[in-house]
Amino acid sequence: MTTAPEKEKEQEKEEEEEEEEKEKVKKKAKEREKKNEKKVEVVSCDVKQQYPFEGFNIDDEGPTELMSSFSQWINEGLYKHHAKK
């Protein structure tokens, strides 16, 4: 006849075995998922991307000629786009 402490030890052992089985199943499932994942190829392209402010860093001077002509328009009253709003 088994005693209470022995039954507890057997129960704990069975629970540990069940947890190990569950972990094994999870690992196998993850391995299957990794095998089924599609691999992405990295493709390099030599085309240079163009940006609207290329050549004008924020810290550098901007297009001074354009800014000076624009400020002249404002001073002469030629640019009153938002004045009526």
PDB file of N, CA and C in Angstrom:
ATOM      1  N   MET A   1       0.847  -1.176   0.000  1.00  0.00           N
ATOM      2  CA  MET A   1       0.000   0.000   0.000  1.00  0.00           C
ATOM      3  C   MET A   1       0.895   1.243   0.000  1.00  0.00           C
ATOM      4  N   THR A   2       0.525   2.234  -0.812  1.00  0.00           N
ATOM      5  CA  THR A   2       1.318   3.450  -0.897  1.00  0.00           C
ATOM      6  C   THR A   2       0.813   4.482   0.092  1.00  0.00           C
ATOM      7  N   THR A   3       1.747   5.256   0.596  1.00  0.00           N
ATOM      8  CA  THR A   3       1.391   6.283   1.568  1.00  0.00           C
ATOM      9  C   THR A   3       1.124   7.599   0.856  1.00  0.00           C
ATOM     10  N   ALA A   4       0.624   8.561   1.581  1.00  0.00           N
ATOM     11  CA  ALA A   4       0.272   9.862   1.011  1.00  0.00           C
ATOM     12  C   ALA A   4       1.490  10.570   0.402  1.00  0.00           C
ATOM     13  N   PRO A   5       2.646  10.618   1.087  1.00  0.00           N
ATOM     14  CA  PRO A   5       3.804  11.285   0.478  1.00  0.00           C
ATOM     15  C   PRO A   5       4.252  10.601  -0.813  1.00  0.00           C
ATOM     16  N   GLU A   6       4.128   9.286  -0.880  1.00  0.00           N
ATOM     17  CA  GLU A   6       4.520   8.579  -2.098  1.00  0.00           C
ATOM     18  C   GLU A   6       3.564   8.906  -3.243  1.00  0.00           C
ATOM     19  N   LYS A   7       2.266   9.010  -2.914  1.00  0.00           N
ATOM     20  CA  LYS A   7       1.274   9.361  -3.938  1.00  0.00           C
ATOM     21  C   LYS A   7       1.545  10.762  -4.481  1.00  0.00           C
ATOM     22  N   GLU A   8       1.894  11.683  -3.586  1.00  0.00           N
ATOM     23  CA  GLU A   8       2.190  13.051  -3.996  1.00  0.00           C
ATOM     24  C   GLU A   8       3.395  13.081  -4.922  1.00  0.00           C
ATOM     25  N   LYS A   9       4.429  12.299  -4.572  1.00  0.00           N
ATOM     26  CA  LYS A   9       5.622  12.248  -5.413  1.00  0.00           C
ATOM     27  C   LYS A   9       5.299  11.680  -6.786  1.00  0.00           C
ATOM     28  N   GLU A  10       4.467  10.645  -6.832  1.00  0.00           N
ATOM     29  CA  GLU A  10       4.074  10.051  -8.108  1.00  0.00           C
ATOM     30  C   GLU A  10       3.267  11.042  -8.948  1.00  0.00           C
ATOM     31  N   GLN A  11       2.379  11.764  -8.280  1.00  0.00           N
ATOM     32  CA  GLN A  11       1.562  12.758  -8.976  1.00  0.00           C
ATOM     33  C   GLN A  11       2.449  13.858  -9.555  1.00  0.00           C
ATOM     34  N   GLU A  12       3.403  14.337  -8.740  1.00  0.00           N
ATOM     35  CA  GLU A  12       4.313  15.380  -9.209  1.00  0.00           C
ATOM     36  C   GLU A  12       5.120  14.886 -10.398  1.00  0.00           C
ATOM     37  N   LYS A  13       5.556  13.654 -10.330  1.00  0.00           N
ATOM     38  CA  LYS A  13       6.341  13.070 -11.403  1.00  0.00           C
ATOM     39  C   LYS A  13       5.506  13.004 -12.689  1.00  0.00           C
ATOM     40  N   GLU A  14       4.259  12.568 -12.566  1.00  0.00           N
ATOM     41  CA  GLU A  14       3.373  12.488 -13.722  1.00  0.00           C
ATOM     42  C   GLU A  14       3.121  13.868 -14.324  1.00  0.00           C
ATOM     43  N   GLU A  15       2.940  14.865 -13.463  1.00  0.00           N
ATOM     44  CA  GLU A  15       2.713  16.235 -13.939  1.00  0.00           C
ATOM     45  C   GLU A  15       3.935  16.752 -14.681  1.00  0.00           C
ATOM     46  N   GLU A  16       5.122  16.474 -14.150  1.00  0.00           N
ATOM     47  CA  GLU A  16       6.351  16.900 -14.808  1.00  0.00           C
ATOM     48  C   GLU A  16       6.489  16.241 -16.179  1.00  0.00           C
ATOM     49  N   GLU A  17       6.153  14.953 -16.256  1.00  0.00           N
ATOM     50  CA  GLU A  17       6.227  14.247 -17.533  1.00  0.00           C
ATOM     51  C   GLU A  17       5.243  14.832 -18.543  1.00  0.00           C
ATOM     52  N   GLU A  18       4.049  15.179 -18.073  1.00  0.00           N
ATOM     53  CA  GLU A  18       3.056  15.791 -18.958  1.00  0.00           C
ATOM     54  C   GLU A  18       3.548  17.133 -19.478  1.00  0.00           C
ATOM     55  N   GLU A  19       4.161  17.941 -18.598  1.00  0.00           N
ATOM     56  CA  GLU A  19       4.686  19.242 -19.005  1.00  0.00           C
ATOM     57  C   GLU A  19       5.802  19.072 -20.028  1.00  0.00           C
ATOM     58  N   GLU A  20       6.668  18.080 -19.816  1.00  0.00           N
ATOM     59  CA  GLU A  20       7.750  17.822 -20.759  1.00  0.00           C
ATOM     60  C   GLU A  20       7.188  17.432 -22.126  1.00  0.00           C
ATOM     61  N   GLU A  21       6.150  16.616 -22.133  1.00  0.00           N
ATOM     62  CA  GLU A  21       5.518  16.212 -23.392  1.00  0.00           C
ATOM     63  C   GLU A  21       4.935  17.433 -24.117  1.00  0.00           C
ATOM     64  N   LYS A  22       4.283  18.303 -23.357  1.00  0.00           N
ATOM     65  CA  LYS A  22       3.704  19.508 -23.950  1.00  0.00           C
ATOM     66  C   LYS A  22       4.793  20.395 -24.562  1.00  0.00           C
ATOM     67  N   GLU A  23       5.917  20.519 -23.844  1.00  0.00           N
ATOM     68  CA  GLU A  23       7.023  21.324 -24.355  1.00  0.00           C
ATOM     69  C   GLU A  23       7.587  20.723 -25.635  1.00  0.00           C
ATOM     70  N   LYS A  24       7.701  19.404 -25.685  1.00  0.00           N
ATOM     71  CA  LYS A  24       8.205  18.732 -26.884  1.00  0.00           C
ATOM     72  C   LYS A  24       7.287  18.989 -28.069  1.00  0.00           C
ATOM     73  N   VAL A  25       5.983  18.916 -27.827  1.00  0.00           N
ATOM     74  CA  VAL A  25       5.013  19.157 -28.890  1.00  0.00           C
ATOM     75  C   VAL A  25       5.134  20.597 -29.393  1.00  0.00           C
ATOM     76  N   LYS A  26       5.286  21.539 -28.472  1.00  0.00           N
ATOM     77  CA  LYS A  26       5.425  22.949 -28.857  1.00  0.00           C
ATOM     78  C   LYS A  26       6.686  23.159 -29.682  1.00  0.00           C
ATOM     79  N   LYS A  27       7.800  22.529 -29.258  1.00  0.00           N
ATOM     80  CA  LYS A  27       9.050  22.669 -30.000  1.00  0.00           C
ATOM     81  C   LYS A  27       8.918  22.114 -31.410  1.00  0.00           C
ATOM     82  N   LYS A  28       8.277  20.969 -31.544  1.00  0.00           N
ATOM     83  CA  LYS A  28       8.085  20.373 -32.860  1.00  0.00           C
ATOM     84  C   LYS A  28       7.229  21.272 -33.742  1.00  0.00           C
ATOM     85  N   ALA A  29       6.200  21.863 -33.159  1.00  0.00           N
ATOM     86  CA  ALA A  29       5.324  22.759 -33.923  1.00  0.00           C
ATOM     87  C   ALA A  29       6.103  23.983 -34.400  1.00  0.00           C
ATOM     88  N   LYS A  30       6.954  24.528 -33.540  1.00  0.00           N
ATOM     89  CA  LYS A  30       7.765  25.690 -33.928  1.00  0.00           C
ATOM     90  C   LYS A  30       8.735  25.325 -35.042  1.00  0.00           C
ATOM     91  N   GLU A  31       9.337  24.145 -34.947  1.00  0.00           N
ATOM     92  CA  GLU A  31      10.263  23.704 -35.988  1.00  0.00           C
ATOM     93  C   GLU A  31       9.544  23.563 -37.323  1.00  0.00           C
ATOM     94  N   ARG A  32       8.327  23.018 -37.303  1.00  0.00           N
ATOM     95  CA  ARG A  32       7.549  22.892 -38.530  1.00  0.00           C
ATOM     96  C   ARG A  32       7.229  24.257 -39.116  1.00  0.00           C
ATOM     97  N   GLU A  33       6.890  25.214 -38.255  1.00  0.00           N
ATOM     98  CA  GLU A  33       6.582  26.564 -38.727  1.00  0.00           C
ATOM     99  C   GLU A  33       7.799  27.194 -39.381  1.00  0.00           C
ATOM    100  N   LYS A  34       8.969  27.007 -38.771  1.00  0.00           N
ATOM    101  CA  LYS A  34      10.190  27.575 -39.340  1.00  0.00           C
ATOM    102  C   LYS A  34      10.479  26.979 -40.712  1.00  0.00           C
ATOM    103  N   LYS A  35      10.247  25.696 -40.865  1.00  0.00           N
ATOM    104  CA  LYS A  35      10.488  25.053 -42.156  1.00  0.00           C
ATOM    105  C   LYS A  35       9.522  25.551 -43.210  1.00  0.00           C
ATOM    106  N   ASN A  36       8.295  25.846 -42.802  1.00  0.00           N
ATOM    107  CA  ASN A  36       7.273  26.276 -43.749  1.00  0.00           C
ATOM    108  C   ASN A  36       7.350  27.759 -44.100  1.00  0.00           C
ATOM    109  N   GLU A  37       8.115  28.533 -43.337  1.00  0.00           N
ATOM    110  CA  GLU A  37       8.219  29.969 -43.607  1.00  0.00           C
ATOM    111  C   GLU A  37       8.886  30.202 -44.950  1.00  0.00           C
ATOM    112  N   LYS A  38       8.422  31.195 -45.647  1.00  0.00           N
ATOM    113  CA  LYS A  38       9.028  31.549 -46.924  1.00  0.00           C
ATOM    114  C   LYS A  38      10.255  32.404 -46.662  1.00  0.00           C
ATOM    115  N   LYS A  39      11.310  32.109 -47.377  1.00  0.00           N
ATOM    116  CA  LYS A  39      12.529  32.904 -47.235  1.00  0.00           C
ATOM    117  C   LYS A  39      12.458  34.078 -48.207  1.00  0.00           C
ATOM    118  N   VAL A  40      12.883  35.235 -47.730  1.00  0.00           N
ATOM    119  CA  VAL A  40      12.854  36.443 -48.532  1.00  0.00           C
ATOM    120  C   VAL A  40      14.262  36.734 -49.012  1.00  0.00           C
ATOM    121  N   GLU A  41      14.384  36.957 -50.305  1.00  0.00           N
ATOM    122  CA  GLU A  41      15.689  37.289 -50.868  1.00  0.00           C
ATOM    123  C   GLU A  41      15.867  38.797 -50.843  1.00  0.00           C
ATOM    124  N   VAL A  42      17.063  39.216 -50.465  1.00  0.00           N
ATOM    125  CA  VAL A  42      17.382  40.636 -50.459  1.00  0.00           C
ATOM    126  C   VAL A  42      17.923  40.993 -51.839  1.00  0.00           C
ATOM    127  N   VAL A  43      17.308  41.981 -52.458  1.00  0.00           N
ATOM    128  CA  VAL A  43      17.716  42.397 -53.790  1.00  0.00           C
ATOM    129  C   VAL A  43      18.271  43.806 -53.687  1.00  0.00           C
ATOM    130  N   SER A  44      19.451  44.003 -54.227  1.00  0.00           N
ATOM    131  CA  SER A  44      20.024  45.345 -54.201  1.00  0.00           C
ATOM    132  C   SER A  44      19.778  46.019 -55.544  1.00  0.00           C
ATOM    133  N   CYS A  45      19.613  47.310 -55.493  1.00  0.00           N
ATOM    134  CA  CYS A  45      19.312  48.076 -56.690  1.00  0.00           C
ATOM    135  C   CYS A  45      20.276  49.254 -56.767  1.00  0.00           C
ATOM    136  N   ASP A  46      20.800  49.511 -57.949  1.00  0.00           N
ATOM    137  CA  ASP A  46      21.767  50.591 -58.120  1.00  0.00           C
ATOM    138  C   ASP A  46      21.119  51.910 -58.512  1.00  0.00           C
ATOM    139  N   VAL A  47      19.790  51.975 -58.540  1.00  0.00           N
ATOM    140  CA  VAL A  47      19.095  53.200 -58.910  1.00  0.00           C
ATOM    141  C   VAL A  47      19.147  54.165 -57.736  1.00  0.00           C
ATOM    142  N   LYS A  48      19.587  55.376 -58.001  1.00  0.00           N
ATOM    143  CA  LYS A  48      19.678  56.388 -56.955  1.00  0.00           C
ATOM    144  C   LYS A  48      18.302  57.003 -56.730  1.00  0.00           C
ATOM    145  N   GLN A  49      17.866  57.010 -55.482  1.00  0.00           N
ATOM    146  CA  GLN A  49      16.568  57.609 -55.169  1.00  0.00           C
ATOM    147  C   GLN A  49      16.724  59.118 -55.093  1.00  0.00           C
ATOM    148  N   GLN A  50      15.732  59.817 -55.586  1.00  0.00           N
ATOM    149  CA  GLN A  50      15.784  61.274 -55.581  1.00  0.00           C
ATOM    150  C   GLN A  50      14.794  61.807 -54.556  1.00  0.00           C
ATOM    151  N   TYR A  51      15.234  62.780 -53.807  1.00  0.00           N
ATOM    152  CA  TYR A  51      14.404  63.398 -52.790  1.00  0.00           C
ATOM    153  C   TYR A  51      14.242  64.874 -53.136  1.00  0.00           C
ATOM    154  N   PRO A  52      13.128  65.482 -52.755  1.00  0.00           N
ATOM    155  CA  PRO A  52      12.884  66.867 -53.149  1.00  0.00           C
ATOM    156  C   PRO A  52      13.904  67.858 -52.596  1.00  0.00           C
ATOM    157  N   PHE A  53      14.529  67.560 -51.457  1.00  0.00           N
ATOM    158  CA  PHE A  53      15.478  68.499 -50.867  1.00  0.00           C
ATOM    159  C   PHE A  53      16.910  68.016 -51.016  1.00  0.00           C
ATOM    160  N   GLU A  54      17.160  67.203 -52.026  1.00  0.00           N
ATOM    161  CA  GLU A  54      18.495  66.664 -52.210  1.00  0.00           C
ATOM    162  C   GLU A  54      19.466  67.807 -52.485  1.00  0.00           C
ATOM    163  N   GLY A  55      20.568  67.805 -51.770  1.00  0.00           N
ATOM    164  CA  GLY A  55      21.569  68.844 -51.952  1.00  0.00           C
ATOM    165  C   GLY A  55      21.397  70.015 -51.002  1.00  0.00           C
ATOM    166  N   PHE A  56      20.269  70.106 -50.304  1.00  0.00           N
ATOM    167  CA  PHE A  56      20.038  71.194 -49.360  1.00  0.00           C
ATOM    168  C   PHE A  56      19.842  70.602 -47.970  1.00  0.00           C
ATOM    169  N   ASN A  57      20.915  70.499 -47.244  1.00  0.00           N
ATOM    170  CA  ASN A  57      20.806  70.006 -45.873  1.00  0.00           C
ATOM    171  C   ASN A  57      20.110  71.042 -45.008  1.00  0.00           C
ATOM    172  N   ILE A  58      19.485  70.612 -43.973  1.00  0.00           N
ATOM    173  CA  ILE A  58      18.754  71.540 -43.104  1.00  0.00           C
ATOM    174  C   ILE A  58      19.726  72.530 -42.451  1.00  0.00           C
ATOM    175  N   ASP A  59      20.910  72.051 -42.111  1.00  0.00           N
ATOM    176  CA  ASP A  59      21.880  72.926 -41.459  1.00  0.00           C
ATOM    177  C   ASP A  59      22.580  73.857 -42.449  1.00  0.00           C
ATOM    178  N   ASP A  60      22.624  73.491 -43.710  1.00  0.00           N
ATOM    179  CA  ASP A  60      23.273  74.328 -44.720  1.00  0.00           C
ATOM    180  C   ASP A  60      22.363  75.473 -45.125  1.00  0.00           C
ATOM    181  N   GLU A  61      22.920  76.327 -45.961  1.00  0.00           N
ATOM    182  CA  GLU A  61      22.111  77.401 -46.519  1.00  0.00           C
ATOM    183  C   GLU A  61      21.192  76.817 -47.568  1.00  0.00           C
ATOM    184  N   GLY A  62      20.011  77.325 -47.635  1.00  0.00           N
ATOM    185  CA  GLY A  62      19.051  76.850 -48.611  1.00  0.00           C
ATOM    186  C   GLY A  62      19.260  77.536 -49.949  1.00  0.00           C
ATOM    187  N   PRO A  63      18.303  77.434 -50.836  1.00  0.00           N
ATOM    188  CA  PRO A  63      18.410  78.096 -52.142  1.00  0.00           C
ATOM    189  C   PRO A  63      18.198  79.602 -51.962  1.00  0.00           C
ATOM    190  N   THR A  64      19.281  80.318 -51.720  1.00  0.00           N
ATOM    191  CA  THR A  64      19.194  81.741 -51.354  1.00  0.00           C
ATOM    192  C   THR A  64      18.597  82.583 -52.472  1.00  0.00           C
ATOM    193  N   GLU A  65      18.890  82.274 -53.703  1.00  0.00           N
ATOM    194  CA  GLU A  65      18.356  83.058 -54.821  1.00  0.00           C
ATOM    195  C   GLU A  65      16.833  82.952 -54.874  1.00  0.00           C
ATOM    196  N   LEU A  66      16.339  81.765 -54.707  1.00  0.00           N
ATOM    197  CA  LEU A  66      14.895  81.542 -54.717  1.00  0.00           C
ATOM    198  C   LEU A  66      14.228  82.262 -53.544  1.00  0.00           C
ATOM    199  N   MET A  67      14.843  82.168 -52.364  1.00  0.00           N
ATOM    200  CA  MET A  67      14.274  82.814 -51.182  1.00  0.00           C
ATOM    201  C   MET A  67      14.278  84.334 -51.317  1.00  0.00           C
ATOM    202  N   SER A  68      15.337  84.881 -51.900  1.00  0.00           N
ATOM    203  CA  SER A  68      15.392  86.339 -52.044  1.00  0.00           C
ATOM    204  C   SER A  68      14.335  86.820 -53.035  1.00  0.00           C
ATOM    205  N   SER A  69      14.130  86.091 -54.135  1.00  0.00           N
ATOM    206  CA  SER A  69      13.102  86.519 -55.088  1.00  0.00           C
ATOM    207  C   SER A  69      11.702  86.366 -54.478  1.00  0.00           C
ATOM    208  N   PHE A  70      11.501  85.330 -53.677  1.00  0.00           N
ATOM    209  CA  PHE A  70      10.212  85.130 -53.028  1.00  0.00           C
ATOM    210  C   PHE A  70       9.942  86.242 -52.015  1.00  0.00           C
ATOM    211  N   SER A  71      10.972  86.630 -51.266  1.00  0.00           N
ATOM    212  CA  SER A  71      10.779  87.718 -50.299  1.00  0.00           C
ATOM    213  C   SER A  71      10.498  89.036 -51.020  1.00  0.00           C
ATOM    214  N   GLN A  72      11.053  89.223 -52.221  1.00  0.00           N
ATOM    215  CA  GLN A  72      10.741  90.420 -53.011  1.00  0.00           C
ATOM    216  C   GLN A  72       9.267  90.421 -53.408  1.00  0.00           C
ATOM    217  N   TRP A  73       8.744  89.275 -53.823  1.00  0.00           N
ATOM    218  CA  TRP A  73       7.331  89.190 -54.192  1.00  0.00           C
ATOM    219  C   TRP A  73       6.450  89.577 -53.016  1.00  0.00           C
ATOM    220  N   ILE A  74       6.821  89.114 -51.838  1.00  0.00           N
ATOM    221  CA  ILE A  74       6.029  89.422 -50.652  1.00  0.00           C
ATOM    222  C   ILE A  74       6.073  90.915 -50.362  1.00  0.00           C
ATOM    223  N   ASN A  75       7.265  91.491 -50.431  1.00  0.00           N
ATOM    224  CA  ASN A  75       7.416  92.925 -50.149  1.00  0.00           C
ATOM    225  C   ASN A  75       6.652  93.780 -51.153  1.00  0.00           C
ATOM    226  N   GLU A  76       6.615  93.361 -52.411  1.00  0.00           N
ATOM    227  CA  GLU A  76       5.933  94.151 -53.447  1.00  0.00           C
ATOM    228  C   GLU A  76       4.440  93.877 -53.493  1.00  0.00           C
ATOM    229  N   GLY A  77       3.976  92.944 -52.669  1.00  0.00           N
ATOM    230  CA  GLY A  77       2.545  92.658 -52.616  1.00  0.00           C
ATOM    231  C   GLY A  77       2.065  91.731 -53.717  1.00  0.00           C
ATOM    232  N   LEU A  78       2.980  91.061 -54.376  1.00  0.00           N
ATOM    233  CA  LEU A  78       2.591  90.153 -55.455  1.00  0.00           C
ATOM    234  C   LEU A  78       2.154  88.793 -54.931  1.00  0.00           C
ATOM    235  N   TYR A  79       2.498  88.479 -53.708  1.00  0.00           N
ATOM    236  CA  TYR A  79       2.135  87.180 -53.157  1.00  0.00           C
ATOM    237  C   TYR A  79       1.220  87.400 -51.964  1.00  0.00           C
ATOM    238  N   LYS A  80      -0.073  87.432 -52.217  1.00  0.00           N
ATOM    239  CA  LYS A  80      -1.057  87.620 -51.160  1.00  0.00           C
ATOM    240  C   LYS A  80      -2.045  86.468 -51.220  1.00  0.00           C
ATOM    241  N   HIS A  81      -1.491  85.292 -51.285  1.00  0.00           N
ATOM    242  CA  HIS A  81      -2.331  84.092 -51.445  1.00  0.00           C
ATOM    243  C   HIS A  81      -3.247  83.876 -50.246  1.00  0.00           C
ATOM    244  N   HIS A  82      -2.743  84.097 -49.047  1.00  0.00           N
ATOM    245  CA  HIS A  82      -3.521  83.804 -47.833  1.00  0.00           C
ATOM    246  C   HIS A  82      -4.116  85.062 -47.193  1.00  0.00           C
ATOM    247  N   ALA A  83      -3.975  86.186 -47.815  1.00  0.00           N
ATOM    248  CA  ALA A  83      -4.441  87.445 -47.230  1.00  0.00           C
ATOM    249  C   ALA A  83      -5.963  87.481 -47.096  1.00  0.00           C
ATOM    250  N   LYS A  84      -6.703  86.875 -48.011  1.00  0.00           N
ATOM    251  CA  LYS A  84      -8.157  86.940 -47.977  1.00  0.00           C
ATOM    252  C   LYS A  84      -8.798  85.937 -47.066  1.00  0.00           C
ATOM    253  N   LYS A  85      -8.075  84.976 -46.608  1.00  0.00           N
ATOM    254  CA  LYS A  85      -8.661  83.931 -45.768  1.00  0.00           C
ATOM    255  C   LYS A  85      -8.876  84.349 -44.350  1.00  0.00           C
TER     256      LYS A  85
END
